């Protein structure tokens, strides 16, 4: 969302349960195993940064792309991100590093 928030709602009452604030525009999110996974875009003096933040059972935030993240998803335990920077990236969680490490990348061409 352009207001930089993600809100969760109680479907039985229609009441808002939680509101999470980000330092950039939220473009994609999903829930997995009690974790909220959000792809968002920040911009500062060094340029544009596509970031992923995982909240819930684990709390991890990392820079995944050089532009807006349009998709975040999970398949067979692998985090998948796709970005305006024309890359699809696959990430494995490293328990020793405490974050996600890039396992594979596919570059897309506009041609």
Protein backbone atom coordinates (compact mmCIF):
# COMPACT_ATOMS: atom_id res chain seq x y z
CA UNK A 1 0.00 0.00 0.00
CA UNK A 2 1.18 3.51 -0.66
CA UNK A 3 0.45 4.49 2.95
CA UNK A 4 3.29 2.10 3.95
CA UNK A 5 1.13 -0.15 6.11
CA UNK A 6 -0.10 -3.72 6.30
CA UNK A 7 -3.22 -4.33 8.35
CA UNK A 8 -4.64 -7.63 9.58
CA UNK A 9 -8.36 -8.08 10.25
CA UNK A 10 -10.55 -10.40 12.30
CA UNK A 11 -12.87 -11.82 9.64
CA UNK A 12 -15.56 -12.77 12.14
CA UNK A 13 -15.90 -9.27 13.65
CA UNK A 14 -14.51 -7.03 10.91
CA UNK A 15 -12.23 -5.40 13.49
CA UNK A 16 -8.62 -4.48 12.69
CA UNK A 17 -6.26 -6.71 14.72
CA UNK A 18 -2.81 -5.31 13.90
CA UNK A 19 -1.22 -2.55 11.87
CA UNK A 20 2.42 -2.74 10.75
CA UNK A 21 4.34 0.27 9.43
CA UNK A 22 7.18 0.16 6.87
CA UNK A 23 9.67 2.76 5.67
CA UNK A 24 8.52 2.32 2.07
CA UNK A 25 5.65 1.41 -0.25
CA UNK A 26 4.32 -2.12 0.30
CA UNK A 27 3.85 -3.97 -3.00
CA UNK A 28 3.45 -7.63 -2.06
CA UNK A 29 2.85 -9.81 1.01
CA UNK A 30 1.72 -13.24 2.16
CA UNK A 31 1.36 -15.31 5.34
CA UNK A 32 3.30 -18.55 5.86
CA UNK A 33 3.52 -20.68 9.00
CA UNK A 34 2.50 -17.74 11.20
CA UNK A 35 4.97 -15.37 9.55
CA UNK A 36 3.97 -12.24 7.65
CA UNK A 37 6.30 -11.80 4.64
CA UNK A 38 6.29 -8.34 3.06
CA UNK A 39 8.03 -6.96 -0.04
CA UNK A 40 8.44 -3.18 -0.05
CA UNK A 41 10.40 -0.36 -1.69
CA UNK A 42 12.50 2.23 0.12
CA UNK A 43 14.36 5.14 -1.40
CA UNK A 44 17.21 7.11 0.13
CA UNK A 45 20.31 9.00 -0.91
CA UNK A 46 21.96 5.79 -2.14
CA UNK A 47 19.09 4.80 -4.46
CA UNK A 48 16.13 2.44 -4.49
CA UNK A 49 16.09 -0.70 -2.34
CA UNK A 50 13.66 -3.61 -2.67
CA UNK A 51 13.46 -5.12 0.81
CA UNK A 52 11.83 -8.18 2.34
CA UNK A 53 10.73 -8.26 5.96
CA UNK A 54 9.59 -11.44 7.74
CA UNK A 55 7.69 -11.00 11.00
CA UNK A 56 6.15 -13.54 13.33
CA UNK A 57 7.92 -16.69 14.49
CA UNK A 58 11.09 -15.24 12.97
CA UNK A 59 12.08 -11.61 12.44
CA UNK A 60 14.32 -11.02 9.43
CA UNK A 61 14.76 -8.05 7.11
CA UNK A 62 17.09 -7.94 4.12
CA UNK A 63 17.69 -6.14 0.83
CA UNK A 64 16.59 -8.43 -1.98
CA UNK A 65 16.50 -6.24 -5.10
CA UNK A 66 17.54 -2.87 -6.50
CA UNK A 67 13.95 -1.84 -7.25
CA UNK A 68 10.35 -2.50 -6.21
CA UNK A 69 9.44 -6.08 -5.31
CA UNK A 70 6.27 -7.08 -7.14
CA UNK A 71 5.96 -10.62 -5.78
CA UNK A 72 6.97 -12.57 -2.69
CA UNK A 73 5.98 -16.20 -2.27
CA UNK A 74 7.09 -19.52 -0.84
CA UNK A 75 7.44 -22.88 -2.55
CA UNK A 76 8.81 -25.99 -0.82
CA UNK A 77 10.51 -23.86 1.84
CA UNK A 78 12.19 -21.56 -0.69
CA UNK A 79 11.35 -17.84 -0.65
CA UNK A 80 10.79 -16.42 -4.14
CA UNK A 81 10.96 -12.71 -5.02
CA UNK A 82 10.36 -10.94 -8.33
CA UNK A 83 11.17 -7.31 -8.98
CA UNK A 84 10.94 -4.41 -11.41
CA UNK A 85 14.74 -4.85 -11.66
CA UNK A 86 13.92 -7.79 -14.01
CA UNK A 87 15.19 -10.52 -11.68
CA UNK A 88 13.49 -13.44 -10.02
CA UNK A 89 15.43 -14.63 -6.99
CA UNK A 90 15.21 -17.77 -4.89
CA UNK A 91 16.27 -17.63 -1.24
CA UNK A 92 17.12 -20.29 1.36
CA UNK A 93 17.02 -19.51 5.05
CA UNK A 94 20.42 -19.88 6.71
CA UNK A 95 20.04 -20.63 10.41
CA UNK A 96 23.74 -19.94 10.97
CA UNK A 97 23.53 -16.46 9.39
CA UNK A 98 20.01 -15.85 10.70
CA UNK A 99 18.79 -14.54 7.36
CA UNK A 100 17.95 -15.58 3.82
CA UNK A 101 20.76 -16.24 1.35
CA UNK A 102 20.35 -16.11 -2.41
CA UNK A 103 20.26 -19.62 -3.86
CA UNK A 104 19.49 -18.82 -7.48
CA UNK A 105 18.67 -15.91 -9.77
CA UNK A 106 16.94 -15.66 -13.12
CA UNK A 107 17.46 -12.48 -15.12
CA UNK A 108 14.73 -11.42 -17.50
CA UNK A 109 15.26 -9.44 -20.64
CA UNK A 110 12.80 -6.91 -22.05
CA UNK A 111 13.69 -8.10 -25.57
